[in-house]
Every structure is written in structure tokens, then in C-alpha cells.
Amino acid sequence: MYNMSILDFIVDYQRDFVFTSGVLIHINPDELPAVYKLLYETSKKYILINEYYNPSPVEVKYRGNESVLFKRDFAGEIMDKYPDLQLIDYGFVYHRDYVFPSDDSTWFLLKKKEI
């Protein structure tokens, strides 16, 4: 168990599966390259990104605060940074889903190419 900011995490070993859910949207965009590197280096095989999506970066006012929520194409950015990542699947979670209601978020399952 780790109780720290993702920005302070140091890779101690690789896991088969790493994911974010509502984390990247709160990271200062200047810090994202380091977080993408962390996700990539921590993953042995799969990375799941579940965040608010927008095709171009936008800042959203969040609970009356500025500069604390950002929407963008997180999966596209990490795939651009690490070309060996393949998009395996993706989907959308809709807040009006009667079985599994949740916030409107988009998920992307990425896999490292086998060497």
C-alpha cells in the first residue's frame, strides 16, 4: 500500500496492469510527461487510462477552483510518447447508465507490444 502523491512515487517493480481513474485530470499539464513515464515504466504489460476526455487540452472550472481540472487526450499523448503502446480497446462510461451509473469518462486499454 502506498500513501503518497503519484508525483512522489518511485518505481519499485513492474506490475502486469497499471491504471488511472480520475487522477490525470488533476495533474498540472507540465507534470504529465513525468507521470506518463511513471505509468509506462511501472507497467509490465497493460495500462488503463480512465479519465475525462477532450480532443484538445482544456481547463475546466472545478468546484469553483481554477487550474485543478484538465481534460485532454491522455491516451493519445502517452501513445505518442511511447510508440510501442497499442490501443487494445476503449469505451465510454455514461452517467445515465441504469446498471453502472458513473461520471462521464472515457477509458482506454493500452498494451505494450511483445518484444
PDB file of N, CA and C in Angstrom:
ATOM      1  N   MET A   1       0.847  -1.176   0.000  1.00  0.00           N
ATOM      2  CA  MET A   1       0.000   0.000   0.000  1.00  0.00           C
ATOM      3  C   MET A   1       0.891   1.237   0.000  1.00  0.00           C
ATOM      4  N   TYR A   2       0.521   2.173  -0.846  1.00  0.00           N
ATOM      5  CA  TYR A   2       1.272   3.425  -0.948  1.00  0.00           C
ATOM      6  C   TYR A   2       0.346   4.566  -0.585  1.00  0.00           C
ATOM      7  N   ASN A   3       0.823   5.474   0.226  1.00  0.00           N
ATOM      8  CA  ASN A   3       0.039   6.636   0.616  1.00  0.00           C
ATOM      9  C   ASN A   3       0.865   7.875   0.273  1.00  0.00           C
ATOM     10  N   MET A   4       0.800   8.264  -1.005  1.00  0.00           N
ATOM     11  CA  MET A   4       1.608   9.394  -1.470  1.00  0.00           C
ATOM     12  C   MET A   4       1.043   9.906  -2.784  1.00  0.00           C
ATOM     13  N   SER A   5       1.501  11.037  -3.164  1.00  0.00           N
ATOM     14  CA  SER A   5       1.146  11.600  -4.461  1.00  0.00           C
ATOM     15  C   SER A   5       1.798  10.776  -5.565  1.00  0.00           C
ATOM     16  N   ILE A   6       1.119  10.655  -6.685  1.00  0.00           N
ATOM     17  CA  ILE A   6       1.719   9.986  -7.839  1.00  0.00           C
ATOM     18  C   ILE A   6       3.001  10.695  -8.263  1.00  0.00           C
ATOM     19  N   LEU A   7       3.083  11.988  -7.993  1.00  0.00           N
ATOM     20  CA  LEU A   7       4.270  12.759  -8.359  1.00  0.00           C
ATOM     21  C   LEU A   7       5.486  12.390  -7.514  1.00  0.00           C
ATOM     22  N   ASP A   8       5.262  11.760  -6.365  1.00  0.00           N
ATOM     23  CA  ASP A   8       6.355  11.352  -5.478  1.00  0.00           C
ATOM     24  C   ASP A   8       6.694   9.870  -5.592  1.00  0.00           C
ATOM     25  N   PHE A   9       5.894   9.128  -6.347  1.00  0.00           N
ATOM     26  CA  PHE A   9       6.078   7.679  -6.449  1.00  0.00           C
ATOM     27  C   PHE A   9       7.343   7.351  -7.228  1.00  0.00           C
ATOM     28  N   ILE A  10       8.084   6.368  -6.751  1.00  0.00           N
ATOM     29  CA  ILE A  10       9.275   5.863  -7.433  1.00  0.00           C
ATOM     30  C   ILE A  10       8.997   4.411  -7.793  1.00  0.00           C
ATOM     31  N   VAL A  11       9.258   4.049  -9.039  1.00  0.00           N
ATOM     32  CA  VAL A  11       9.002   2.682  -9.495  1.00  0.00           C
ATOM     33  C   VAL A  11       9.859   1.713  -8.689  1.00  0.00           C
ATOM     34  N   ASP A  12       9.198   0.797  -7.994  1.00  0.00           N
ATOM     35  CA  ASP A  12       9.912  -0.203  -7.204  1.00  0.00           C
ATOM     36  C   ASP A  12       9.909  -1.568  -7.896  1.00  0.00           C
ATOM     37  N   TYR A  13       8.886  -1.843  -8.682  1.00  0.00           N
ATOM     38  CA  TYR A  13       8.843  -3.047  -9.511  1.00  0.00           C
ATOM     39  C   TYR A  13       7.739  -2.867 -10.545  1.00  0.00           C
ATOM     40  N   GLN A  14       7.754  -3.672 -11.593  1.00  0.00           N
ATOM     41  CA  GLN A  14       6.736  -3.581 -12.639  1.00  0.00           C
ATOM     42  C   GLN A  14       5.538  -4.451 -12.285  1.00  0.00           C
ATOM     43  N   ARG A  15       4.383  -3.938 -12.630  1.00  0.00           N
ATOM     44  CA  ARG A  15       3.141  -4.668 -12.428  1.00  0.00           C
ATOM     45  C   ARG A  15       2.594  -5.067 -13.797  1.00  0.00           C
ATOM     46  N   ASP A  16       1.790  -6.127 -13.837  1.00  0.00           N
ATOM     47  CA  ASP A  16       1.179  -6.544 -15.097  1.00  0.00           C
ATOM     48  C   ASP A  16       0.196  -5.493 -15.607  1.00  0.00           C
ATOM     49  N   PHE A  17      -0.468  -4.805 -14.688  1.00  0.00           N
ATOM     50  CA  PHE A  17      -1.551  -3.881 -15.040  1.00  0.00           C
ATOM     51  C   PHE A  17      -1.462  -2.646 -14.149  1.00  0.00           C
ATOM     52  N   VAL A  18      -1.404  -1.474 -14.765  1.00  0.00           N
ATOM     53  CA  VAL A  18      -1.469  -0.218 -14.010  1.00  0.00           C
ATOM     54  C   VAL A  18      -2.587   0.626 -14.609  1.00  0.00           C
ATOM     55  N   PHE A  19      -3.206   1.467 -13.776  1.00  0.00           N
ATOM     56  CA  PHE A  19      -4.287   2.283 -14.305  1.00  0.00           C
ATOM     57  C   PHE A  19      -4.419   3.589 -13.539  1.00  0.00           C
ATOM     58  N   THR A  20      -5.086   4.523 -14.194  1.00  0.00           N
ATOM     59  CA  THR A  20      -5.509   5.752 -13.531  1.00  0.00           C
ATOM     60  C   THR A  20      -7.011   5.888 -13.735  1.00  0.00           C
ATOM     61  N   SER A  21      -7.661   6.481 -12.777  1.00  0.00           N
ATOM     62  CA  SER A  21      -9.090   6.759 -12.879  1.00  0.00           C
ATOM     63  C   SER A  21      -9.352   8.060 -12.130  1.00  0.00           C
ATOM     64  N   GLY A  22      -9.530   9.121 -12.891  1.00  0.00           N
ATOM     65  CA  GLY A  22      -9.764  10.424 -12.286  1.00  0.00           C
ATOM     66  C   GLY A  22      -8.549  10.995 -11.594  1.00  0.00           C
ATOM     67  N   VAL A  23      -7.374  10.620 -12.062  1.00  0.00           N
ATOM     68  CA  VAL A  23      -6.123  11.121 -11.485  1.00  0.00           C
ATOM     69  C   VAL A  23      -5.466  12.133 -12.416  1.00  0.00           C
ATOM     70  N   LEU A  24      -5.279  11.739 -13.671  1.00  0.00           N
ATOM     71  CA  LEU A  24      -4.561  12.589 -14.620  1.00  0.00           C
ATOM     72  C   LEU A  24      -5.250  13.936 -14.836  1.00  0.00           C
ATOM     73  N   ILE A  25      -6.564  13.962 -14.695  1.00  0.00           N
ATOM     74  CA  ILE A  25      -7.302  15.218 -14.897  1.00  0.00           C
ATOM     75  C   ILE A  25      -6.911  16.284 -13.875  1.00  0.00           C
ATOM     76  N   HIS A  26      -6.340  15.870 -12.765  1.00  0.00           N
ATOM     77  CA  HIS A  26      -5.960  16.816 -11.714  1.00  0.00           C
ATOM     78  C   HIS A  26      -4.454  17.106 -11.675  1.00  0.00           C
ATOM     79  N   ILE A  27      -3.719  16.550 -12.621  1.00  0.00           N
ATOM     80  CA  ILE A  27      -2.273  16.780 -12.683  1.00  0.00           C
ATOM     81  C   ILE A  27      -1.997  18.024 -13.524  1.00  0.00           C
ATOM     82  N   ASN A  28      -1.150  18.897 -13.015  1.00  0.00           N
ATOM     83  CA  ASN A  28      -0.733  20.061 -13.788  1.00  0.00           C
ATOM     84  C   ASN A  28      -0.161  19.570 -15.118  1.00  0.00           C
ATOM     85  N   PRO A  29      -0.603  20.123 -16.244  1.00  0.00           N
ATOM     86  CA  PRO A  29      -0.115  19.653 -17.547  1.00  0.00           C
ATOM     87  C   PRO A  29       1.410  19.631 -17.673  1.00  0.00           C
ATOM     88  N   ASP A  30       2.105  20.507 -16.984  1.00  0.00           N
ATOM     89  CA  ASP A  30       3.570  20.498 -17.028  1.00  0.00           C
ATOM     90  C   ASP A  30       4.164  19.233 -16.408  1.00  0.00           C
ATOM     91  N   GLU A  31       3.415  18.575 -15.529  1.00  0.00           N
ATOM     92  CA  GLU A  31       3.881  17.368 -14.841  1.00  0.00           C
ATOM     93  C   GLU A  31       3.512  16.080 -15.582  1.00  0.00           C
ATOM     94  N   LEU A  32       2.661  16.184 -16.601  1.00  0.00           N
ATOM     95  CA  LEU A  32       2.182  14.968 -17.271  1.00  0.00           C
ATOM     96  C   LEU A  32       3.286  14.113 -17.891  1.00  0.00           C
ATOM     97  N   PRO A  33       4.300  14.684 -18.554  1.00  0.00           N
ATOM     98  CA  PRO A  33       5.338  13.804 -19.106  1.00  0.00           C
ATOM     99  C   PRO A  33       5.980  12.894 -18.054  1.00  0.00           C
ATOM    100  N   ALA A  34       6.206  13.403 -16.866  1.00  0.00           N
ATOM    101  CA  ALA A  34       6.788  12.582 -15.795  1.00  0.00           C
ATOM    102  C   ALA A  34       5.809  11.502 -15.343  1.00  0.00           C
ATOM    103  N   VAL A  35       4.523  11.821 -15.301  1.00  0.00           N
ATOM    104  CA  VAL A  35       3.520  10.833 -14.890  1.00  0.00           C
ATOM    105  C   VAL A  35       3.358   9.772 -15.979  1.00  0.00           C
ATOM    106  N   TYR A  36       3.368  10.173 -17.250  1.00  0.00           N
ATOM    107  CA  TYR A  36       3.317   9.190 -18.337  1.00  0.00           C
ATOM    108  C   TYR A  36       4.512   8.235 -18.249  1.00  0.00           C
ATOM    109  N   LYS A  37       5.680   8.773 -17.976  1.00  0.00           N
ATOM    110  CA  LYS A  37       6.889   7.947 -17.844  1.00  0.00           C
ATOM    111  C   LYS A  37       6.728   6.961 -16.685  1.00  0.00           C
ATOM    112  N   LEU A  38       6.190   7.444 -15.597  1.00  0.00           N
ATOM    113  CA  LEU A  38       5.957   6.593 -14.431  1.00  0.00           C
ATOM    114  C   LEU A  38       4.990   5.451 -14.769  1.00  0.00           C
ATOM    115  N   LEU A  39       3.881   5.769 -15.422  1.00  0.00           N
ATOM    116  CA  LEU A  39       2.919   4.732 -15.802  1.00  0.00           C
ATOM    117  C   LEU A  39       3.569   3.700 -16.724  1.00  0.00           C
ATOM    118  N   TYR A  40       4.304   4.191 -17.707  1.00  0.00           N
ATOM    119  CA  TYR A  40       4.954   3.309 -18.671  1.00  0.00           C
ATOM    120  C   TYR A  40       5.978   2.406 -17.990  1.00  0.00           C
ATOM    121  N   GLU A  41       6.820   2.985 -17.161  1.00  0.00           N
ATOM    122  CA  GLU A  41       7.877   2.205 -16.508  1.00  0.00           C
ATOM    123  C   GLU A  41       7.339   1.266 -15.439  1.00  0.00           C
ATOM    124  N   THR A  42       6.196   1.578 -14.848  1.00  0.00           N
ATOM    125  CA  THR A  42       5.610   0.725 -13.822  1.00  0.00           C
ATOM    126  C   THR A  42       4.875  -0.463 -14.440  1.00  0.00           C
ATOM    127  N   SER A  43       4.448  -0.307 -15.689  1.00  0.00           N
ATOM    128  CA  SER A  43       3.689  -1.362 -16.354  1.00  0.00           C
ATOM    129  C   SER A  43       4.586  -2.378 -17.033  1.00  0.00           C
ATOM    130  N   LYS A  44       4.277  -3.637 -16.787  1.00  0.00           N
ATOM    131  CA  LYS A  44       4.947  -4.724 -17.493  1.00  0.00           C
ATOM    132  C   LYS A  44       4.220  -5.001 -18.817  1.00  0.00           C
ATOM    133  N   LYS A  45       2.887  -4.799 -18.818  1.00  0.00           N
ATOM    134  CA  LYS A  45       2.098  -5.198 -19.982  1.00  0.00           C
ATOM    135  C   LYS A  45       0.954  -4.251 -20.323  1.00  0.00           C
ATOM    136  N   TYR A  46       0.077  -3.946 -19.356  1.00  0.00           N
ATOM    137  CA  TYR A  46      -1.132  -3.174 -19.657  1.00  0.00           C
ATOM    138  C   TYR A  46      -1.176  -1.848 -18.891  1.00  0.00           C
ATOM    139  N   ILE A  47      -1.761  -0.842 -19.557  1.00  0.00           N
ATOM    140  CA  ILE A  47      -2.058   0.452 -18.932  1.00  0.00           C
ATOM    141  C   ILE A  47      -3.502   0.794 -19.280  1.00  0.00           C
ATOM    142  N   LEU A  48      -4.283   1.121 -18.262  1.00  0.00           N
ATOM    143  CA  LEU A  48      -5.657   1.563 -18.484  1.00  0.00           C
ATOM    144  C   LEU A  48      -5.753   3.023 -18.055  1.00  0.00           C
ATOM    145  N   ILE A  49      -6.264   3.854 -18.945  1.00  0.00           N
ATOM    146  CA  ILE A  49      -6.470   5.276 -18.667  1.00  0.00           C
ATOM    147  C   ILE A  49      -7.975   5.501 -18.625  1.00  0.00           C
ATOM    148  N   ASN A  50      -8.511   5.917 -17.488  1.00  0.00           N
ATOM    149  CA  ASN A  50      -9.940   6.219 -17.350  1.00  0.00           C
ATOM    150  C   ASN A  50     -10.063   7.646 -16.830  1.00  0.00           C
ATOM    151  N   GLU A  51     -10.289   8.574 -17.737  1.00  0.00           N
ATOM    152  CA  GLU A  51     -10.271   9.997 -17.393  1.00  0.00           C
ATOM    153  C   GLU A  51     -11.307  10.739 -18.239  1.00  0.00           C
ATOM    154  N   TYR A  52     -11.536  11.996 -17.916  1.00  0.00           N
ATOM    155  CA  TYR A  52     -12.335  12.844 -18.794  1.00  0.00           C
ATOM    156  C   TYR A  52     -11.545  13.069 -20.063  1.00  0.00           C
ATOM    157  N   TYR A  53     -12.219  12.981 -21.206  1.00  0.00           N
ATOM    158  CA  TYR A  53     -11.551  13.107 -22.500  1.00  0.00           C
ATOM    159  C   TYR A  53     -11.968  14.401 -23.196  1.00  0.00           C
ATOM    160  N   ASN A  54     -11.016  14.988 -23.888  1.00  0.00           N
ATOM    161  CA  ASN A  54     -11.281  16.074 -24.822  1.00  0.00           C
ATOM    162  C   ASN A  54     -10.215  15.994 -25.909  1.00  0.00           C
ATOM    163  N   PRO A  55     -10.574  16.175 -27.177  1.00  0.00           N
ATOM    164  CA  PRO A  55      -9.589  16.045 -28.241  1.00  0.00           C
ATOM    165  C   PRO A  55      -8.457  17.064 -28.168  1.00  0.00           C
ATOM    166  N   SER A  56      -8.729  18.216 -27.603  1.00  0.00           N
ATOM    167  CA  SER A  56      -7.671  19.209 -27.392  1.00  0.00           C
ATOM    168  C   SER A  56      -7.691  19.615 -25.920  1.00  0.00           C
ATOM    169  N   PRO A  57      -6.529  19.964 -25.367  1.00  0.00           N
ATOM    170  CA  PRO A  57      -6.469  20.285 -23.938  1.00  0.00           C
ATOM    171  C   PRO A  57      -7.354  21.475 -23.563  1.00  0.00           C
ATOM    172  N   VAL A  58      -8.127  21.293 -22.494  1.00  0.00           N
ATOM    173  CA  VAL A  58      -8.947  22.378 -21.949  1.00  0.00           C
ATOM    174  C   VAL A  58      -8.870  22.349 -20.428  1.00  0.00           C
ATOM    175  N   GLU A  59      -8.985  23.513 -19.841  1.00  0.00           N
ATOM    176  CA  GLU A  59      -9.073  23.628 -18.384  1.00  0.00           C
ATOM    177  C   GLU A  59     -10.535  23.833 -18.030  1.00  0.00           C
ATOM    178  N   VAL A  60     -10.996  23.151 -16.982  1.00  0.00           N
ATOM    179  CA  VAL A  60     -12.389  23.225 -16.560  1.00  0.00           C
ATOM    180  C   VAL A  60     -12.436  23.741 -15.126  1.00  0.00           C
ATOM    181  N   LYS A  61     -13.315  24.695 -14.870  1.00  0.00           N
ATOM    182  CA  LYS A  61     -13.501  25.172 -13.501  1.00  0.00           C
ATOM    183  C   LYS A  61     -14.083  24.012 -12.690  1.00  0.00           C
ATOM    184  N   TYR A  62     -13.505  23.750 -11.538  1.00  0.00           N
ATOM    185  CA  TYR A  62     -13.883  22.585 -10.733  1.00  0.00           C
ATOM    186  C   TYR A  62     -14.204  23.029  -9.319  1.00  0.00           C
ATOM    187  N   ARG A  63     -15.471  22.879  -8.940  1.00  0.00           N
ATOM    188  CA  ARG A  63     -15.929  23.264  -7.608  1.00  0.00           C
ATOM    189  C   ARG A  63     -15.486  24.683  -7.255  1.00  0.00           C
ATOM    190  N   GLY A  64     -15.587  25.571  -8.242  1.00  0.00           N
ATOM    191  CA  GLY A  64     -15.243  26.967  -8.037  1.00  0.00           C
ATOM    192  C   GLY A  64     -13.763  27.284  -8.114  1.00  0.00           C
ATOM    193  N   ASN A  65     -12.933  26.292  -8.417  1.00  0.00           N
ATOM    194  CA  ASN A  65     -11.476  26.478  -8.450  1.00  0.00           C
ATOM    195  C   ASN A  65     -10.940  26.455  -9.877  1.00  0.00           C
ATOM    196  N   GLU A  66      -9.910  27.239 -10.099  1.00  0.00           N
ATOM    197  CA  GLU A  66      -9.212  27.281 -11.389  1.00  0.00           C
ATOM    198  C   GLU A  66      -7.946  26.420 -11.304  1.00  0.00           C
ATOM    199  N   SER A  67      -7.497  25.952 -12.436  1.00  0.00           N
ATOM    200  CA  SER A  67      -6.222  25.213 -12.573  1.00  0.00           C
ATOM    201  C   SER A  67      -6.144  23.944 -11.725  1.00  0.00           C
ATOM    202  N   VAL A  68      -7.278  23.244 -11.576  1.00  0.00           N
ATOM    203  CA  VAL A  68      -7.259  21.981 -10.832  1.00  0.00           C
ATOM    204  C   VAL A  68      -7.905  20.830 -11.601  1.00  0.00           C
ATOM    205  N   LEU A  69      -8.495  21.100 -12.773  1.00  0.00           N
ATOM    206  CA  LEU A  69      -9.071  20.028 -13.581  1.00  0.00           C
ATOM    207  C   LEU A  69      -8.822  20.331 -15.049  1.00  0.00           C
ATOM    208  N   PHE A  70      -8.257  19.325 -15.727  1.00  0.00           N
ATOM    209  CA  PHE A  70      -7.890  19.474 -17.132  1.00  0.00           C
ATOM    210  C   PHE A  70      -8.403  18.260 -17.901  1.00  0.00           C
ATOM    211  N   LYS A  71      -8.977  18.510 -19.060  1.00  0.00           N
ATOM    212  CA  LYS A  71      -9.403  17.423 -19.942  1.00  0.00           C
ATOM    213  C   LYS A  71      -8.530  17.465 -21.188  1.00  0.00           C
ATOM    214  N   ARG A  72      -8.174  16.290 -21.677  1.00  0.00           N
ATOM    215  CA  ARG A  72      -7.344  16.209 -22.880  1.00  0.00           C
ATOM    216  C   ARG A  72      -7.328  14.760 -23.362  1.00  0.00           C
ATOM    217  N   ASP A  73      -6.576  14.481 -24.399  1.00  0.00           N
ATOM    218  CA  ASP A  73      -6.431  13.123 -24.915  1.00  0.00           C
ATOM    219  C   ASP A  73      -5.223  12.466 -24.238  1.00  0.00           C
ATOM    220  N   PHE A  74      -5.412  12.059 -22.988  1.00  0.00           N
ATOM    221  CA  PHE A  74      -4.319  11.459 -22.214  1.00  0.00           C
ATOM    222  C   PHE A  74      -3.777  10.201 -22.903  1.00  0.00           C
ATOM    223  N   ALA A  75      -4.659   9.345 -23.374  1.00  0.00           N
ATOM    224  CA  ALA A  75      -4.211   8.095 -24.003  1.00  0.00           C
ATOM    225  C   ALA A  75      -3.417   8.383 -25.278  1.00  0.00           C
ATOM    226  N   GLY A  76      -3.899   9.305 -26.081  1.00  0.00           N
ATOM    227  CA  GLY A  76      -3.185   9.662 -27.303  1.00  0.00           C
ATOM    228  C   GLY A  76      -1.807  10.223 -27.010  1.00  0.00           C
ATOM    229  N   GLU A  77      -1.718  11.029 -25.962  1.00  0.00           N
ATOM    230  CA  GLU A  77      -0.426  11.612 -25.608  1.00  0.00           C
ATOM    231  C   GLU A  77       0.569  10.558 -25.153  1.00  0.00           C
ATOM    232  N   ILE A  78       0.134   9.614 -24.333  1.00  0.00           N
ATOM    233  CA  ILE A  78       1.071   8.592 -23.865  1.00  0.00           C
ATOM    234  C   ILE A  78       1.446   7.647 -25.010  1.00  0.00           C
ATOM    235  N   MET A  79       0.500   7.395 -25.938  1.00  0.00           N
ATOM    236  CA  MET A  79       0.835   6.556 -27.094  1.00  0.00           C
ATOM    237  C   MET A  79       1.821   7.271 -28.017  1.00  0.00           C
ATOM    238  N   ASP A  80       1.704   8.580 -28.149  1.00  0.00           N
ATOM    239  CA  ASP A  80       2.664   9.343 -28.949  1.00  0.00           C
ATOM    240  C   ASP A  80       4.051   9.306 -28.316  1.00  0.00           C
ATOM    241  N   LYS A  81       4.085   9.362 -26.995  1.00  0.00           N
ATOM    242  CA  LYS A  81       5.361   9.363 -26.275  1.00  0.00           C
ATOM    243  C   LYS A  81       6.028   7.985 -26.295  1.00  0.00           C
ATOM    244  N   TYR A  82       5.222   6.934 -26.264  1.00  0.00           N
ATOM    245  CA  TYR A  82       5.728   5.559 -26.243  1.00  0.00           C
ATOM    246  C   TYR A  82       5.069   4.779 -27.388  1.00  0.00           C
ATOM    247  N   PRO A  83       5.683   4.810 -28.579  1.00  0.00           N
ATOM    248  CA  PRO A  83       5.065   4.217 -29.768  1.00  0.00           C
ATOM    249  C   PRO A  83       4.861   2.703 -29.708  1.00  0.00           C
ATOM    250  N   ASP A  84       5.473   2.028 -28.731  1.00  0.00           N
ATOM    251  CA  ASP A  84       5.246   0.588 -28.630  1.00  0.00           C
ATOM    252  C   ASP A  84       3.932   0.264 -27.914  1.00  0.00           C
ATOM    253  N   LEU A  85       3.209   1.270 -27.450  1.00  0.00           N
ATOM    254  CA  LEU A  85       1.902   1.022 -26.838  1.00  0.00           C
ATOM    255  C   LEU A  85       0.848   0.867 -27.936  1.00  0.00           C
ATOM    256  N   GLN A  86       0.036  -0.167 -27.807  1.00  0.00           N
ATOM    257  CA  GLN A  86      -1.040  -0.426 -28.752  1.00  0.00           C
ATOM    258  C   GLN A  86      -2.377  -0.178 -28.061  1.00  0.00           C
ATOM    259  N   LEU A  87      -3.310   0.415 -28.772  1.00  0.00           N
ATOM    260  CA  LEU A  87      -4.670   0.566 -28.268  1.00  0.00           C
ATOM    261  C   LEU A  87      -5.389  -0.762 -28.448  1.00  0.00           C
ATOM    262  N   ILE A  88      -5.815  -1.370 -27.348  1.00  0.00           N
ATOM    263  CA  ILE A  88      -6.498  -2.666 -27.381  1.00  0.00           C
ATOM    264  C   ILE A  88      -8.011  -2.485 -27.412  1.00  0.00           C
ATOM    265  N   ASP A  89      -8.507  -1.546 -26.605  1.00  0.00           N
ATOM    266  CA  ASP A  89      -9.951  -1.317 -26.535  1.00  0.00           C
ATOM    267  C   ASP A  89     -10.192   0.046 -25.886  1.00  0.00           C
ATOM    268  N   TYR A  90     -11.398   0.542 -26.019  1.00  0.00           N
ATOM    269  CA  TYR A  90     -11.767   1.799 -25.388  1.00  0.00           C
ATOM    270  C   TYR A  90     -13.283   1.844 -25.239  1.00  0.00           C
ATOM    271  N   GLY A  91     -13.752   2.732 -24.379  1.00  0.00           N
ATOM    272  CA  GLY A  91     -15.186   2.860 -24.179  1.00  0.00           C
ATOM    273  C   GLY A  91     -15.517   4.103 -23.380  1.00  0.00           C
ATOM    274  N   PHE A  92     -16.801   4.296 -23.190  1.00  0.00           N
ATOM    275  CA  PHE A  92     -17.319   5.473 -22.513  1.00  0.00           C
ATOM    276  C   PHE A  92     -18.233   5.029 -21.388  1.00  0.00           C
ATOM    277  N   VAL A  93     -18.107   5.643 -20.229  1.00  0.00           N
ATOM    278  CA  VAL A  93     -18.977   5.364 -19.093  1.00  0.00           C
ATOM    279  C   VAL A  93     -19.936   6.543 -18.978  1.00  0.00           C
ATOM    280  N   TYR A  94     -21.212   6.267 -19.076  1.00  0.00           N
ATOM    281  CA  TYR A  94     -22.244   7.311 -19.135  1.00  0.00           C
ATOM    282  C   TYR A  94     -22.959   7.457 -17.797  1.00  0.00           C
ATOM    283  N   HIS A  95     -23.150   8.681 -17.368  1.00  0.00           N
ATOM    284  CA  HIS A  95     -23.757   8.935 -16.048  1.00  0.00           C
ATOM    285  C   HIS A  95     -25.214   8.468 -15.963  1.00  0.00           C
ATOM    286  N   ARG A  96     -25.870   8.233 -17.081  1.00  0.00           N
ATOM    287  CA  ARG A  96     -27.261   7.778 -17.045  1.00  0.00           C
ATOM    288  C   ARG A  96     -27.398   6.276 -17.295  1.00  0.00           C
ATOM    289  N   ASP A  97     -26.308   5.549 -17.225  1.00  0.00           N
ATOM    290  CA  ASP A  97     -26.354   4.098 -17.328  1.00  0.00           C
ATOM    291  C   ASP A  97     -27.117   3.591 -16.101  1.00  0.00           C
ATOM    292  N   TYR A  98     -28.158   2.816 -16.326  1.00  0.00           N
ATOM    293  CA  TYR A  98     -29.006   2.370 -15.220  1.00  0.00           C
ATOM    294  C   TYR A  98     -28.383   1.229 -14.413  1.00  0.00           C
ATOM    295  N   VAL A  99     -27.457   0.514 -15.003  1.00  0.00           N
ATOM    296  CA  VAL A  99     -26.832  -0.610 -14.305  1.00  0.00           C
ATOM    297  C   VAL A  99     -25.584  -0.156 -13.556  1.00  0.00           C
ATOM    298  N   PHE A 100     -24.705   0.588 -14.217  1.00  0.00           N
ATOM    299  CA  PHE A 100     -23.450   1.049 -13.621  1.00  0.00           C
ATOM    300  C   PHE A 100     -23.304   2.560 -13.808  1.00  0.00           C
ATOM    301  N   PRO A 101     -24.134   3.360 -13.157  1.00  0.00           N
ATOM    302  CA  PRO A 101     -24.007   4.808 -13.335  1.00  0.00           C
ATOM    303  C   PRO A 101     -22.686   5.317 -12.752  1.00  0.00           C
ATOM    304  N   SER A 102     -22.077   6.213 -13.460  1.00  0.00           N
ATOM    305  CA  SER A 102     -20.821   6.790 -13.026  1.00  0.00           C
ATOM    306  C   SER A 102     -20.689   8.139 -13.704  1.00  0.00           C
ATOM    307  N   ASP A 103     -19.587   8.794 -13.457  1.00  0.00           N
ATOM    308  CA  ASP A 103     -19.324  10.053 -14.124  1.00  0.00           C
ATOM    309  C   ASP A 103     -19.049   9.791 -15.603  1.00  0.00           C
ATOM    310  N   ASP A 104     -19.253  10.782 -16.450  1.00  0.00           N
ATOM    311  CA  ASP A 104     -18.949  10.626 -17.870  1.00  0.00           C
ATOM    312  C   ASP A 104     -17.439  10.596 -18.062  1.00  0.00           C
ATOM    313  N   SER A 105     -16.903   9.429 -18.304  1.00  0.00           N
ATOM    314  CA  SER A 105     -15.462   9.307 -18.527  1.00  0.00           C
ATOM    315  C   SER A 105     -15.224   8.342 -19.678  1.00  0.00           C
ATOM    316  N   THR A 106     -14.051   8.446 -20.247  1.00  0.00           N
ATOM    317  CA  THR A 106     -13.666   7.586 -21.356  1.00  0.00           C
ATOM    318  C   THR A 106     -12.473   6.752 -20.910  1.00  0.00           C
ATOM    319  N   TRP A 107     -12.499   5.459 -21.216  1.00  0.00           N
ATOM    320  CA  TRP A 107     -11.390   4.590 -20.830  1.00  0.00           C
ATOM    321  C   TRP A 107     -10.704   4.036 -22.070  1.00  0.00           C
ATOM    322  N   PHE A 108      -9.406   3.823 -21.924  1.00  0.00           N
ATOM    323  CA  PHE A 108      -8.556   3.309 -22.996  1.00  0.00           C
ATOM    324  C   PHE A 108      -7.662   2.223 -22.405  1.00  0.00           C
ATOM    325  N   LEU A 109      -7.684   1.040 -22.999  1.00  0.00           N
ATOM    326  CA  LEU A 109      -6.804  -0.037 -22.580  1.00  0.00           C
ATOM    327  C   LEU A 109      -5.644  -0.113 -23.569  1.00  0.00           C
ATOM    328  N   LEU A 110      -4.436   0.066 -23.063  1.00  0.00           N
ATOM    329  CA  LEU A 110      -3.222   0.039 -23.870  1.00  0.00           C
ATOM    330  C   LEU A 110      -2.381  -1.167 -23.474  1.00  0.00           C
ATOM    331  N   LYS A 111      -1.636  -1.691 -24.441  1.00  0.00           N
ATOM    332  CA  LYS A 111      -0.778  -2.851 -24.181  1.00  0.00           C
ATOM    333  C   LYS A 111       0.587  -2.589 -24.795  1.00  0.00           C
ATOM    334  N   LYS A 112       1.616  -2.946 -24.036  1.00  0.00           N
ATOM    335  CA  LYS A 112       2.966  -2.865 -24.582  1.00  0.00           C
ATOM    336  C   LYS A 112       3.134  -3.978 -25.618  1.00  0.00           C
ATOM    337  N   LYS A 113       3.714  -3.639 -26.754  1.00  0.00           N
ATOM    338  CA  LYS A 113       3.965  -4.648 -27.782  1.00  0.00           C
ATOM    339  C   LYS A 113       4.961  -5.664 -27.265  1.00  0.00           C
ATOM    340  N   GLU A 114       4.708  -6.919 -27.611  1.00  0.00           N
ATOM    341  CA  GLU A 114       5.616  -8.007 -27.221  1.00  0.00           C
ATOM    342  C   GLU A 114       6.934  -7.826 -27.962  1.00  0.00           C
ATOM    343  N   ILE A 115       8.021  -8.028 -27.266  1.00  0.00           N
ATOM    344  CA  ILE A 115       9.342  -7.889 -27.891  1.00  0.00           C
ATOM    345  C   ILE A 115       9.850  -9.245 -28.331  1.00  0.00           C
TER     346      ILE A 115
END
